[in-house]
């Protein structure tokens, strides 16, 4: 078996990373067919690498496949998106508790910087940019928790629900509430108040769930 030099990305890893990014960034759309030959030509990669990447992305819930039909980008229903948020709420509340215990001064400074940028984008009315920073805030907080198992599970869940995140920030009044919720999370983490951090994260994601229900026309 060939040994891959440390730090070198294999063709299979490259295929996985590039396909995953294309799905999460909307370059490949929900329901779009994923033909190995076309993808290999598009990304300049071998079909075997593409096939391996598609299998891995199917395990993550980003791709679906069926005999004689091939593979396509998975369409996540609103109900499934709510289930993803519910699972994230349990895990990210745990991560917030651990972040309050383990975050370094550098972690907290990074979170403060992200929150300031979110406030600036909100003031300019750039809600989509604010939503992207929202995701960065969450990733940074999870990293600060040093909880590797929660981090791995949260990343898989977030990848499945990422296409719904922009819908919630556009719900009237949601962006301002989101900022306030993130401030409370950061205040609790900075104060090393584990219970308050866990509670603030749970309340934040409950607010996201309510906004998603409102965005699809259900009860808020």
C-alpha atoms as a PDB file:
ATOM      1  CA  UNK A   1       0.000   0.000   0.000  1.00  0.00           C
ATOM      2  CA  UNK A   2       1.371   3.404  -0.961  1.00  0.00           C
ATOM      3  CA  UNK A   3       2.111   5.720   1.942  1.00  0.00           C
ATOM      4  CA  UNK A   4       0.727   9.234   1.579  1.00  0.00           C
ATOM      5  CA  UNK A   5       3.226  11.852   2.823  1.00  0.00           C
ATOM      6  CA  UNK A   6       1.967  13.692   5.888  1.00  0.00           C
ATOM      7  CA  UNK A   7       0.148  16.872   4.924  1.00  0.00           C
ATOM      8  CA  UNK A   8      -0.393  15.815   1.310  1.00  0.00           C
ATOM      9  CA  UNK A   9      -3.996  15.706   0.115  1.00  0.00           C
ATOM     10  CA  UNK A  10      -4.897  12.588  -1.865  1.00  0.00           C
ATOM     11  CA  UNK A  11      -7.061  12.733  -4.965  1.00  0.00           C
ATOM     12  CA  UNK A  12      -9.891  11.100  -3.019  1.00  0.00           C
ATOM     13  CA  UNK A  13      -9.673  13.701  -0.266  1.00  0.00           C
ATOM     14  CA  UNK A  14      -9.547  16.484  -2.831  1.00  0.00           C
ATOM     15  CA  UNK A  15     -12.645  15.114  -4.567  1.00  0.00           C
ATOM     16  CA  UNK A  16     -14.498  14.922  -1.264  1.00  0.00           C
ATOM     17  CA  UNK A  17     -13.533  18.441  -0.200  1.00  0.00           C
ATOM     18  CA  UNK A  18     -14.356  20.016  -3.564  1.00  0.00           C
ATOM     19  CA  UNK A  19     -17.693  18.243  -3.988  1.00  0.00           C
ATOM     20  CA  UNK A  20     -18.677  19.015  -0.406  1.00  0.00           C
ATOM     21  CA  UNK A  21     -17.854  22.698  -0.849  1.00  0.00           C
ATOM     22  CA  UNK A  22     -19.766  22.811  -4.142  1.00  0.00           C
ATOM     23  CA  UNK A  23     -22.868  21.418  -2.415  1.00  0.00           C
ATOM     24  CA  UNK A  24     -22.644  23.630   0.683  1.00  0.00           C
ATOM     25  CA  UNK A  25     -22.002  26.779  -1.347  1.00  0.00           C
ATOM     26  CA  UNK A  26     -24.898  26.114  -3.721  1.00  0.00           C
ATOM     27  CA  UNK A  27     -22.783  25.413  -6.793  1.00  0.00           C
ATOM     28  CA  UNK A  28     -24.456  21.997  -6.920  1.00  0.00           C
ATOM     29  CA  UNK A  29     -28.158  22.419  -6.143  1.00  0.00           C
ATOM     30  CA  UNK A  30     -30.597  20.211  -4.207  1.00  0.00           C
ATOM     31  CA  UNK A  31     -31.974  17.539  -6.537  1.00  0.00           C
ATOM     32  CA  UNK A  32     -29.197  18.003  -9.106  1.00  0.00           C
ATOM     33  CA  UNK A  33     -27.917  14.744 -10.602  1.00  0.00           C
ATOM     34  CA  UNK A  34     -24.305  13.883  -9.861  1.00  0.00           C
ATOM     35  CA  UNK A  35     -22.835  12.020 -12.832  1.00  0.00           C
ATOM     36  CA  UNK A  36     -19.361  10.623 -12.170  1.00  0.00           C
ATOM     37  CA  UNK A  37     -18.069  11.291 -15.687  1.00  0.00           C
ATOM     38  CA  UNK A  38     -19.309  14.899 -15.703  1.00  0.00           C
ATOM     39  CA  UNK A  39     -17.927  15.608 -12.219  1.00  0.00           C
ATOM     40  CA  UNK A  40     -14.563  14.058 -13.075  1.00  0.00           C
ATOM     41  CA  UNK A  41     -14.264  16.349 -16.099  1.00  0.00           C
ATOM     42  CA  UNK A  42     -15.535  19.380 -14.212  1.00  0.00           C
ATOM     43  CA  UNK A  43     -13.047  19.054 -11.359  1.00  0.00           C
ATOM     44  CA  UNK A  44     -10.197  17.410 -13.263  1.00  0.00           C
ATOM     45  CA  UNK A  45     -10.239  14.310 -11.060  1.00  0.00           C
ATOM     46  CA  UNK A  46     -10.465  10.558 -11.611  1.00  0.00           C
ATOM     47  CA  UNK A  47     -13.821   8.799 -11.602  1.00  0.00           C
ATOM     48  CA  UNK A  48     -12.711   6.466  -8.815  1.00  0.00           C
ATOM     49  CA  UNK A  49     -12.001   9.473  -6.581  1.00  0.00           C
ATOM     50  CA  UNK A  50     -15.380  10.980  -7.447  1.00  0.00           C
ATOM     51  CA  UNK A  51     -17.114   7.681  -6.694  1.00  0.00           C
ATOM     52  CA  UNK A  52     -15.423   7.447  -3.292  1.00  0.00           C
ATOM     53  CA  UNK A  53     -16.306  11.067  -2.503  1.00  0.00           C
ATOM     54  CA  UNK A  54     -19.966  10.529  -3.411  1.00  0.00           C
ATOM     55  CA  UNK A  55     -20.140   7.488  -1.118  1.00  0.00           C
ATOM     56  CA  UNK A  56     -18.682   9.508   1.734  1.00  0.00           C
ATOM     57  CA  UNK A  57     -21.059  12.415   1.117  1.00  0.00           C
ATOM     58  CA  UNK A  58     -23.979   9.989   1.086  1.00  0.00           C
ATOM     59  CA  UNK A  59     -22.941   8.816   4.559  1.00  0.00           C
ATOM     60  CA  UNK A  60     -23.005  12.462   5.671  1.00  0.00           C
ATOM     61  CA  UNK A  61     -26.516  12.961   4.338  1.00  0.00           C
ATOM     62  CA  UNK A  62     -25.570  15.418   1.586  1.00  0.00           C
ATOM     63  CA  UNK A  63     -26.046  12.990  -1.308  1.00  0.00           C
ATOM     64  CA  UNK A  64     -28.628  10.318  -2.120  1.00  0.00           C
ATOM     65  CA  UNK A  65     -28.468   7.485  -4.615  1.00  0.00           C
ATOM     66  CA  UNK A  66     -30.609   4.661  -5.941  1.00  0.00           C
ATOM     67  CA  UNK A  67     -30.028   1.691  -8.271  1.00  0.00           C
ATOM     68  CA  UNK A  68     -30.430   2.633 -11.964  1.00  0.00           C
ATOM     69  CA  UNK A  69     -30.964   6.291 -11.007  1.00  0.00           C
ATOM     70  CA  UNK A  70     -27.464   7.270  -9.939  1.00  0.00           C
ATOM     71  CA  UNK A  71     -26.750   9.944  -7.337  1.00  0.00           C
ATOM     72  CA  UNK A  72     -28.093  13.431  -6.684  1.00  0.00           C
ATOM     73  CA  UNK A  73     -27.768  16.232  -4.139  1.00  0.00           C
ATOM     74  CA  UNK A  74     -30.100  15.382  -1.279  1.00  0.00           C
ATOM     75  CA  UNK A  75     -33.147  17.593  -0.784  1.00  0.00           C
ATOM     76  CA  UNK A  76     -33.655  18.292   2.917  1.00  0.00           C
ATOM     77  CA  UNK A  77     -37.278  18.913   3.830  1.00  0.00           C
ATOM     78  CA  UNK A  78     -38.268  21.595   6.329  1.00  0.00           C
ATOM     79  CA  UNK A  79     -39.280  18.882   8.778  1.00  0.00           C
ATOM     80  CA  UNK A  80     -35.864  17.245   8.519  1.00  0.00           C
ATOM     81  CA  UNK A  81     -34.210  20.659   8.881  1.00  0.00           C
ATOM     82  CA  UNK A  82     -36.089  21.106  12.165  1.00  0.00           C
ATOM     83  CA  UNK A  83     -34.908  17.678  13.325  1.00  0.00           C
ATOM     84  CA  UNK A  84     -31.326  18.657  12.475  1.00  0.00           C
ATOM     85  CA  UNK A  85     -31.697  21.847  14.528  1.00  0.00           C
ATOM     86  CA  UNK A  86     -33.154  19.880  17.431  1.00  0.00           C
ATOM     87  CA  UNK A  87     -30.154  17.534  17.414  1.00  0.00           C
ATOM     88  CA  UNK A  88     -27.768  20.485  17.085  1.00  0.00           C
ATOM     89  CA  UNK A  89     -29.451  22.126  20.070  1.00  0.00           C
ATOM     90  CA  UNK A  90     -28.557  19.190  22.310  1.00  0.00           C
ATOM     91  CA  UNK A  91     -24.964  19.008  21.086  1.00  0.00           C
ATOM     92  CA  UNK A  92     -24.211  22.727  20.842  1.00  0.00           C
ATOM     93  CA  UNK A  93     -25.661  23.358  24.290  1.00  0.00           C
ATOM     94  CA  UNK A  94     -23.177  20.778  25.560  1.00  0.00           C
ATOM     95  CA  UNK A  95     -20.387  22.466  23.579  1.00  0.00           C
ATOM     96  CA  UNK A  96     -21.321  25.868  25.032  1.00  0.00           C
ATOM     97  CA  UNK A  97     -21.073  24.437  28.548  1.00  0.00           C
ATOM     98  CA  UNK A  98     -17.607  23.062  27.792  1.00  0.00           C
ATOM     99  CA  UNK A  99     -16.559  26.324  26.114  1.00  0.00           C
ATOM    100  CA  UNK A 100     -17.431  28.213  29.293  1.00  0.00           C
ATOM    101  CA  UNK A 101     -15.064  25.873  31.109  1.00  0.00           C
ATOM    102  CA  UNK A 102     -12.239  25.553  28.562  1.00  0.00           C
ATOM    103  CA  UNK A 103     -12.178  28.592  26.271  1.00  0.00           C
ATOM    104  CA  UNK A 104      -8.867  30.469  26.296  1.00  0.00           C
ATOM    105  CA  UNK A 105      -8.615  34.267  26.332  1.00  0.00           C
ATOM    106  CA  UNK A 106      -7.698  34.005  22.636  1.00  0.00           C
ATOM    107  CA  UNK A 107     -10.870  32.007  21.917  1.00  0.00           C
ATOM    108  CA  UNK A 108     -12.986  34.631  23.653  1.00  0.00           C
ATOM    109  CA  UNK A 109     -11.227  37.443  21.787  1.00  0.00           C
ATOM    110  CA  UNK A 110     -11.987  35.711  18.466  1.00  0.00           C
ATOM    111  CA  UNK A 111     -15.645  35.336  19.422  1.00  0.00           C
ATOM    112  CA  UNK A 112     -15.810  38.991  20.415  1.00  0.00           C
ATOM    113  CA  UNK A 113     -14.327  39.996  17.068  1.00  0.00           C
ATOM    114  CA  UNK A 114     -16.838  37.882  15.146  1.00  0.00           C
ATOM    115  CA  UNK A 115     -19.719  39.360  17.144  1.00  0.00           C
ATOM    116  CA  UNK A 116     -18.501  42.898  16.376  1.00  0.00           C
ATOM    117  CA  UNK A 117     -18.433  42.065  12.670  1.00  0.00           C
ATOM    118  CA  UNK A 118     -21.954  40.634  12.908  1.00  0.00           C
ATOM    119  CA  UNK A 119     -23.119  43.900  14.494  1.00  0.00           C
ATOM    120  CA  UNK A 120     -21.458  45.918  11.719  1.00  0.00           C
ATOM    121  CA  UNK A 121     -23.136  43.869   8.976  1.00  0.00           C
ATOM    122  CA  UNK A 122     -26.471  44.171  10.776  1.00  0.00           C
ATOM    123  CA  UNK A 123     -26.077  47.961  10.935  1.00  0.00           C
ATOM    124  CA  UNK A 124     -25.437  48.002   7.166  1.00  0.00           C
ATOM    125  CA  UNK A 125     -28.395  45.713   6.491  1.00  0.00           C
ATOM    126  CA  UNK A 126     -26.188  42.954   5.041  1.00  0.00           C
ATOM    127  CA  UNK A 127     -28.068  40.055   6.601  1.00  0.00           C
ATOM    128  CA  UNK A 128     -26.563  37.318   4.420  1.00  0.00           C
ATOM    129  CA  UNK A 129     -23.034  38.302   5.451  1.00  0.00           C
ATOM    130  CA  UNK A 130     -24.254  38.379   9.035  1.00  0.00           C
ATOM    131  CA  UNK A 131     -25.585  34.834   8.609  1.00  0.00           C
ATOM    132  CA  UNK A 132     -22.203  33.624   7.370  1.00  0.00           C
ATOM    133  CA  UNK A 133     -20.531  35.144  10.436  1.00  0.00           C
ATOM    134  CA  UNK A 134     -23.203  33.516  12.582  1.00  0.00           C
ATOM    135  CA  UNK A 135     -21.993  30.132  11.306  1.00  0.00           C
ATOM    136  CA  UNK A 136     -18.375  31.142  12.003  1.00  0.00           C
ATOM    137  CA  UNK A 137     -19.320  32.150  15.564  1.00  0.00           C
ATOM    138  CA  UNK A 138     -20.796  28.692  16.151  1.00  0.00           C
ATOM    139  CA  UNK A 139     -17.791  26.880  14.660  1.00  0.00           C
ATOM    140  CA  UNK A 140     -15.396  28.964  16.763  1.00  0.00           C
ATOM    141  CA  UNK A 141     -17.402  28.299  19.915  1.00  0.00           C
ATOM    142  CA  UNK A 142     -17.427  24.554  19.256  1.00  0.00           C
ATOM    143  CA  UNK A 143     -13.649  24.626  18.680  1.00  0.00           C
ATOM    144  CA  UNK A 144     -13.272  26.479  21.986  1.00  0.00           C
ATOM    145  CA  UNK A 145     -15.179  23.690  23.743  1.00  0.00           C
ATOM    146  CA  UNK A 146     -12.371  21.185  22.974  1.00  0.00           C
ATOM    147  CA  UNK A 147     -15.111  18.530  22.766  1.00  0.00           C
ATOM    148  CA  UNK A 148     -13.991  16.543  19.721  1.00  0.00           C
ATOM    149  CA  UNK A 149     -16.920  14.137  19.582  1.00  0.00           C
ATOM    150  CA  UNK A 150     -19.497  16.914  19.757  1.00  0.00           C
ATOM    151  CA  UNK A 151     -17.534  18.905  17.162  1.00  0.00           C
ATOM    152  CA  UNK A 152     -17.548  16.007  14.696  1.00  0.00           C
ATOM    153  CA  UNK A 153     -21.273  15.354  15.080  1.00  0.00           C
ATOM    154  CA  UNK A 154     -22.196  19.056  14.945  1.00  0.00           C
ATOM    155  CA  UNK A 155     -20.243  19.586  11.722  1.00  0.00           C
ATOM    156  CA  UNK A 156     -22.098  16.724  10.029  1.00  0.00           C
ATOM    157  CA  UNK A 157     -25.455  18.124  11.176  1.00  0.00           C
ATOM    158  CA  UNK A 158     -24.602  21.682  10.173  1.00  0.00           C
ATOM    159  CA  UNK A 159     -23.606  20.529   6.701  1.00  0.00           C
ATOM    160  CA  UNK A 160     -27.041  18.969   6.215  1.00  0.00           C
ATOM    161  CA  UNK A 161     -28.935  22.077   7.309  1.00  0.00           C
ATOM    162  CA  UNK A 162     -26.712  24.804   5.870  1.00  0.00           C
ATOM    163  CA  UNK A 163     -29.024  25.555   2.932  1.00  0.00           C
ATOM    164  CA  UNK A 164     -31.812  26.522   5.346  1.00  0.00           C
ATOM    165  CA  UNK A 165     -29.740  28.921   7.477  1.00  0.00           C
ATOM    166  CA  UNK A 166     -30.188  31.912   5.183  1.00  0.00           C
ATOM    167  CA  UNK A 167     -33.975  31.612   5.260  1.00  0.00           C
ATOM    168  CA  UNK A 168     -34.180  32.150   9.015  1.00  0.00           C
ATOM    169  CA  UNK A 169     -32.108  35.358   9.130  1.00  0.00           C
ATOM    170  CA  UNK A 170     -34.524  36.996   6.653  1.00  0.00           C
ATOM    171  CA  UNK A 171     -37.537  36.476   8.931  1.00  0.00           C
ATOM    172  CA  UNK A 172     -38.615  39.953  10.153  1.00  0.00           C
ATOM    173  CA  UNK A 173     -37.029  40.780  13.508  1.00  0.00           C
ATOM    174  CA  UNK A 174     -34.944  37.610  13.563  1.00  0.00           C
ATOM    175  CA  UNK A 175     -31.576  39.255  12.859  1.00  0.00           C
ATOM    176  CA  UNK A 176     -31.829  41.578  15.879  1.00  0.00           C
ATOM    177  CA  UNK A 177     -32.925  38.745  18.157  1.00  0.00           C
ATOM    178  CA  UNK A 178     -30.068  36.605  16.837  1.00  0.00           C
ATOM    179  CA  UNK A 179     -27.533  39.266  17.768  1.00  0.00           C
ATOM    180  CA  UNK A 180     -28.948  39.516  21.284  1.00  0.00           C
ATOM    181  CA  UNK A 181     -28.848  35.729  21.659  1.00  0.00           C
ATOM    182  CA  UNK A 182     -25.213  35.566  20.548  1.00  0.00           C
ATOM    183  CA  UNK A 183     -24.316  38.339  23.010  1.00  0.00           C
ATOM    184  CA  UNK A 184     -25.859  36.314  25.853  1.00  0.00           C
ATOM    185  CA  UNK A 185     -23.945  33.191  24.796  1.00  0.00           C
ATOM    186  CA  UNK A 186     -20.656  35.090  24.701  1.00  0.00           C
ATOM    187  CA  UNK A 187     -21.325  36.855  28.016  1.00  0.00           C
ATOM    188  CA  UNK A 188     -21.934  33.502  29.705  1.00  0.00           C
ATOM    189  CA  UNK A 189     -18.831  31.912  28.189  1.00  0.00           C
ATOM    190  CA  UNK A 190     -16.706  34.939  29.141  1.00  0.00           C
ATOM    191  CA  UNK A 191     -18.066  34.771  32.716  1.00  0.00           C
ATOM    192  CA  UNK A 192     -17.277  31.015  32.885  1.00  0.00           C
ATOM    193  CA  UNK A 193     -20.925  30.379  33.721  1.00  0.00           C
ATOM    194  CA  UNK A 194     -21.466  26.896  32.321  1.00  0.00           C
ATOM    195  CA  UNK A 195     -25.170  26.648  33.093  1.00  0.00           C
ATOM    196  CA  UNK A 196     -25.920  30.071  31.616  1.00  0.00           C
ATOM    197  CA  UNK A 197     -23.897  29.268  28.467  1.00  0.00           C
ATOM    198  CA  UNK A 198     -25.765  26.001  27.956  1.00  0.00           C
ATOM    199  CA  UNK A 199     -29.113  27.712  28.530  1.00  0.00           C
ATOM    200  CA  UNK A 200     -28.294  30.636  26.217  1.00  0.00           C
ATOM    201  CA  UNK A 201     -27.304  28.299  23.378  1.00  0.00           C
ATOM    202  CA  UNK A 202     -30.464  26.236  23.811  1.00  0.00           C
ATOM    203  CA  UNK A 203     -32.643  29.357  23.746  1.00  0.00           C
ATOM    204  CA  UNK A 204     -30.801  30.623  20.650  1.00  0.00           C
ATOM    205  CA  UNK A 205     -31.394  27.447  18.649  1.00  0.00           C
ATOM    206  CA  UNK A 206     -35.003  27.316  19.825  1.00  0.00           C
ATOM    207  CA  UNK A 207     -35.305  30.787  18.286  1.00  0.00           C
ATOM    208  CA  UNK A 208     -33.770  29.526  15.040  1.00  0.00           C
ATOM    209  CA  UNK A 209     -36.286  26.667  14.962  1.00  0.00           C
ATOM    210  CA  UNK A 210     -39.162  29.089  15.514  1.00  0.00           C
ATOM    211  CA  UNK A 211     -37.852  31.290  12.677  1.00  0.00           C
ATOM    212  CA  UNK A 212     -37.607  28.318  10.329  1.00  0.00           C
ATOM    213  CA  UNK A 213     -41.210  27.365  11.095  1.00  0.00           C
ATOM    214  CA  UNK A 214     -42.226  30.965  10.422  1.00  0.00           C
ATOM    215  CA  UNK A 215     -40.232  31.044   7.173  1.00  0.00           C
ATOM    216  CA  UNK A 216     -42.141  28.043   5.855  1.00  0.00           C
ATOM    217  CA  UNK A 217     -45.484  29.494   6.908  1.00  0.00           C
ATOM    218  CA  UNK A 218     -46.073  27.501  10.090  1.00  0.00           C
ATOM    219  CA  UNK A 219     -46.634  28.782  13.614  1.00  0.00           C
ATOM    220  CA  UNK A 220     -43.734  30.833  15.038  1.00  0.00           C
END
